[in-house]
N, C-alpha and C. Protein backbone atom coordinates (compact mmCIF):
# COMPACT_ATOMS: atom_id res chain seq x y z
N MET A 1 72.31 133.72 95.98
CA MET A 1 71.72 135.00 95.66
C MET A 1 72.83 136.03 95.41
N SER A 2 72.73 136.74 94.32
CA SER A 2 73.74 137.73 93.95
C SER A 2 73.46 139.05 94.67
N ILE A 3 74.52 139.74 95.07
CA ILE A 3 74.34 141.02 95.74
C ILE A 3 74.71 142.14 94.79
N ASP A 4 74.06 143.28 94.97
CA ASP A 4 74.34 144.45 94.14
C ASP A 4 75.47 145.25 94.81
N PRO A 5 76.67 145.28 94.19
CA PRO A 5 77.80 145.96 94.84
C PRO A 5 77.55 147.45 95.09
N ARG A 6 76.83 148.12 94.20
CA ARG A 6 76.58 149.55 94.39
C ARG A 6 75.71 149.78 95.63
N LYS A 7 74.72 148.93 95.84
CA LYS A 7 73.88 149.05 97.04
C LYS A 7 74.68 148.74 98.29
N HIS A 8 75.55 147.74 98.19
CA HIS A 8 76.39 147.36 99.33
C HIS A 8 77.31 148.52 99.74
N LEU A 9 77.76 149.31 98.77
CA LEU A 9 78.62 150.46 99.05
C LEU A 9 77.83 151.69 99.49
N GLY A 10 76.49 151.61 99.43
CA GLY A 10 75.65 152.74 99.83
C GLY A 10 75.50 153.78 98.75
N LEU A 11 75.61 153.35 97.48
CA LEU A 11 75.51 154.27 96.35
C LEU A 11 74.17 154.11 95.65
N GLY A 12 73.74 155.15 94.98
CA GLY A 12 72.51 155.10 94.21
C GLY A 12 72.79 154.59 92.81
N PRO A 13 71.85 154.84 91.89
CA PRO A 13 72.06 154.39 90.51
C PRO A 13 73.19 155.16 89.83
N LEU A 14 73.72 154.59 88.75
CA LEU A 14 74.81 155.20 88.00
C LEU A 14 74.34 156.49 87.33
N LYS A 15 75.19 157.51 87.35
CA LYS A 15 74.83 158.80 86.77
C LYS A 15 74.67 158.69 85.25
N LYS A 16 73.77 159.51 84.72
CA LYS A 16 73.50 159.52 83.29
C LYS A 16 74.00 160.84 82.69
N PRO A 17 74.21 160.89 81.36
CA PRO A 17 74.68 162.14 80.74
C PRO A 17 73.65 163.27 80.89
N LEU A 18 74.18 164.50 80.94
CA LEU A 18 73.33 165.68 80.96
C LEU A 18 73.25 166.24 79.54
N PHE A 19 72.07 166.70 79.15
CA PHE A 19 71.86 167.23 77.80
C PHE A 19 71.53 168.71 77.90
N GLY A 20 71.95 169.44 76.87
CA GLY A 20 71.65 170.86 76.83
C GLY A 20 72.00 171.43 75.47
N HIS A 21 72.17 172.75 75.43
CA HIS A 21 72.50 173.42 74.19
C HIS A 21 73.71 174.33 74.41
N ASN A 22 74.55 174.43 73.39
CA ASN A 22 75.54 175.49 73.33
C ASN A 22 74.86 176.66 72.65
N ARG A 23 74.90 177.83 73.26
CA ARG A 23 74.27 179.01 72.68
C ARG A 23 75.34 179.99 72.24
N SER A 24 75.32 180.34 70.95
CA SER A 24 76.27 181.33 70.44
C SER A 24 75.73 182.73 70.74
N HIS A 25 76.53 183.73 70.39
CA HIS A 25 76.11 185.12 70.58
C HIS A 25 74.87 185.42 69.75
N ALA A 26 74.74 184.74 68.59
CA ALA A 26 73.57 184.93 67.73
C ALA A 26 72.40 184.04 68.16
N LEU A 27 72.55 183.36 69.31
CA LEU A 27 71.54 182.49 69.89
C LEU A 27 71.25 181.25 69.06
N ASN A 28 72.24 180.81 68.25
CA ASN A 28 72.11 179.52 67.58
C ASN A 28 72.27 178.43 68.63
N ALA A 29 71.45 177.38 68.52
CA ALA A 29 71.51 176.31 69.50
C ALA A 29 72.07 175.05 68.86
N THR A 30 73.14 174.51 69.43
CA THR A 30 73.68 173.22 68.99
C THR A 30 73.67 172.28 70.20
N GLN A 31 73.54 170.99 69.94
CA GLN A 31 73.43 170.00 71.01
C GLN A 31 74.74 169.90 71.80
N LYS A 32 74.60 169.77 73.12
CA LYS A 32 75.75 169.61 74.00
C LYS A 32 75.44 168.45 74.95
N ILE A 33 76.40 167.55 75.14
CA ILE A 33 76.24 166.43 76.06
C ILE A 33 77.40 166.45 77.04
N SER A 34 77.10 166.41 78.34
CA SER A 34 78.13 166.32 79.37
C SER A 34 78.07 164.92 79.96
N LYS A 35 79.10 164.12 79.70
CA LYS A 35 79.11 162.74 80.18
C LYS A 35 79.81 162.67 81.54
N PRO A 36 79.32 161.82 82.45
CA PRO A 36 79.99 161.66 83.74
C PRO A 36 81.30 160.90 83.58
N ASN A 37 82.23 161.15 84.49
CA ASN A 37 83.55 160.51 84.46
C ASN A 37 83.41 159.12 85.10
N VAL A 38 82.99 158.12 84.32
CA VAL A 38 82.75 156.77 84.83
C VAL A 38 83.99 155.91 84.62
N GLN A 39 84.40 155.22 85.68
CA GLN A 39 85.57 154.35 85.64
C GLN A 39 85.22 153.01 86.27
N LYS A 40 85.94 151.95 85.85
CA LYS A 40 85.73 150.63 86.43
C LYS A 40 86.72 150.40 87.56
N ARG A 41 86.20 149.89 88.67
CA ARG A 41 87.03 149.55 89.81
C ARG A 41 86.62 148.16 90.31
N LYS A 42 87.59 147.42 90.85
CA LYS A 42 87.31 146.11 91.42
C LYS A 42 87.18 146.25 92.93
N ILE A 43 86.19 145.58 93.50
CA ILE A 43 85.97 145.62 94.93
C ILE A 43 85.69 144.22 95.42
N THR A 44 86.17 143.89 96.61
CA THR A 44 85.98 142.57 97.19
C THR A 44 84.93 142.65 98.29
N ILE A 45 83.87 141.84 98.15
CA ILE A 45 82.81 141.75 99.14
C ILE A 45 82.62 140.28 99.48
N ASN A 46 82.79 139.92 100.74
CA ASN A 46 82.63 138.53 101.20
C ASN A 46 83.50 137.57 100.37
N ASP A 47 84.75 137.91 100.17
CA ASP A 47 85.72 137.09 99.42
C ASP A 47 85.33 136.88 97.97
N LYS A 48 84.46 137.69 97.42
CA LYS A 48 84.12 137.66 95.99
C LYS A 48 84.51 138.99 95.40
N GLU A 49 85.10 138.95 94.20
CA GLU A 49 85.53 140.17 93.54
C GLU A 49 84.49 140.61 92.52
N TYR A 50 84.11 141.87 92.59
CA TYR A 50 83.13 142.45 91.67
C TYR A 50 83.78 143.62 90.94
N THR A 51 83.41 143.79 89.67
CA THR A 51 83.81 144.97 88.91
C THR A 51 82.63 145.93 88.92
N VAL A 52 82.88 147.14 89.41
CA VAL A 52 81.82 148.12 89.59
C VAL A 52 82.16 149.37 88.79
N LYS A 53 81.17 149.96 88.13
CA LYS A 53 81.36 151.24 87.46
C LYS A 53 81.07 152.35 88.46
N LEU A 54 82.06 153.22 88.67
CA LEU A 54 81.94 154.31 89.62
C LEU A 54 82.34 155.62 88.95
N THR A 55 81.71 156.71 89.37
CA THR A 55 82.15 158.01 88.89
C THR A 55 83.35 158.44 89.72
N ALA A 56 84.11 159.39 89.21
CA ALA A 56 85.30 159.88 89.92
C ALA A 56 84.90 160.45 91.28
N ARG A 57 83.77 161.08 91.34
CA ARG A 57 83.29 161.65 92.61
C ARG A 57 82.98 160.55 93.62
N GLU A 58 82.36 159.46 93.17
CA GLU A 58 82.07 158.34 94.07
C GLU A 58 83.35 157.68 94.57
N ILE A 59 84.35 157.57 93.71
CA ILE A 59 85.63 156.99 94.11
C ILE A 59 86.26 157.84 95.21
N ARG A 60 86.22 159.14 95.06
CA ARG A 60 86.78 160.04 96.08
C ARG A 60 86.01 159.92 97.39
N THR A 61 84.68 159.81 97.32
CA THR A 61 83.87 159.67 98.51
C THR A 61 84.18 158.38 99.25
N LEU A 62 84.28 157.27 98.50
CA LEU A 62 84.58 155.98 99.12
C LEU A 62 85.98 155.98 99.72
N ASP A 63 86.92 156.68 99.06
CA ASP A 63 88.28 156.80 99.59
C ASP A 63 88.27 157.57 100.91
N LYS A 64 87.45 158.61 100.97
CA LYS A 64 87.33 159.43 102.18
C LYS A 64 86.74 158.61 103.33
N LYS A 65 85.77 157.73 103.01
CA LYS A 65 85.15 156.89 104.03
C LYS A 65 86.05 155.74 104.47
N GLY A 66 87.12 155.49 103.72
CA GLY A 66 88.06 154.45 104.10
C GLY A 66 87.76 153.09 103.48
N ILE A 67 86.89 153.06 102.47
CA ILE A 67 86.60 151.81 101.78
C ILE A 67 87.68 151.61 100.74
N ILE A 68 88.37 150.46 100.81
CA ILE A 68 89.52 150.22 99.95
C ILE A 68 89.05 149.62 98.64
N LEU A 69 89.41 150.25 97.52
CA LEU A 69 89.09 149.75 96.19
C LEU A 69 90.36 149.22 95.57
N GLY A 70 90.23 148.08 94.89
CA GLY A 70 91.41 147.47 94.27
C GLY A 70 91.62 147.86 92.86
C-alpha cells in the first residue's frame, strides 16, 4: 500500500494559484495570476524516498519542526 507523503508530513492539499484583476487608475481590469512558490524536495519515509512538491512556506515550517528534507 502506497502512503501519501504530504499526509505523512501533516500537510494539506497543494496550494493553487490565486486569480484577480490589476486595476489601473482608469479602472481598466486586466487578468492577474499569483502562483505559489512550489518546489520539489526529496523526503525519506520508512527507507523509501519520495519526491514531494512543497511551497516555500511549507519547507520553512517543516524546517522549524525539525523534519529533515533531502
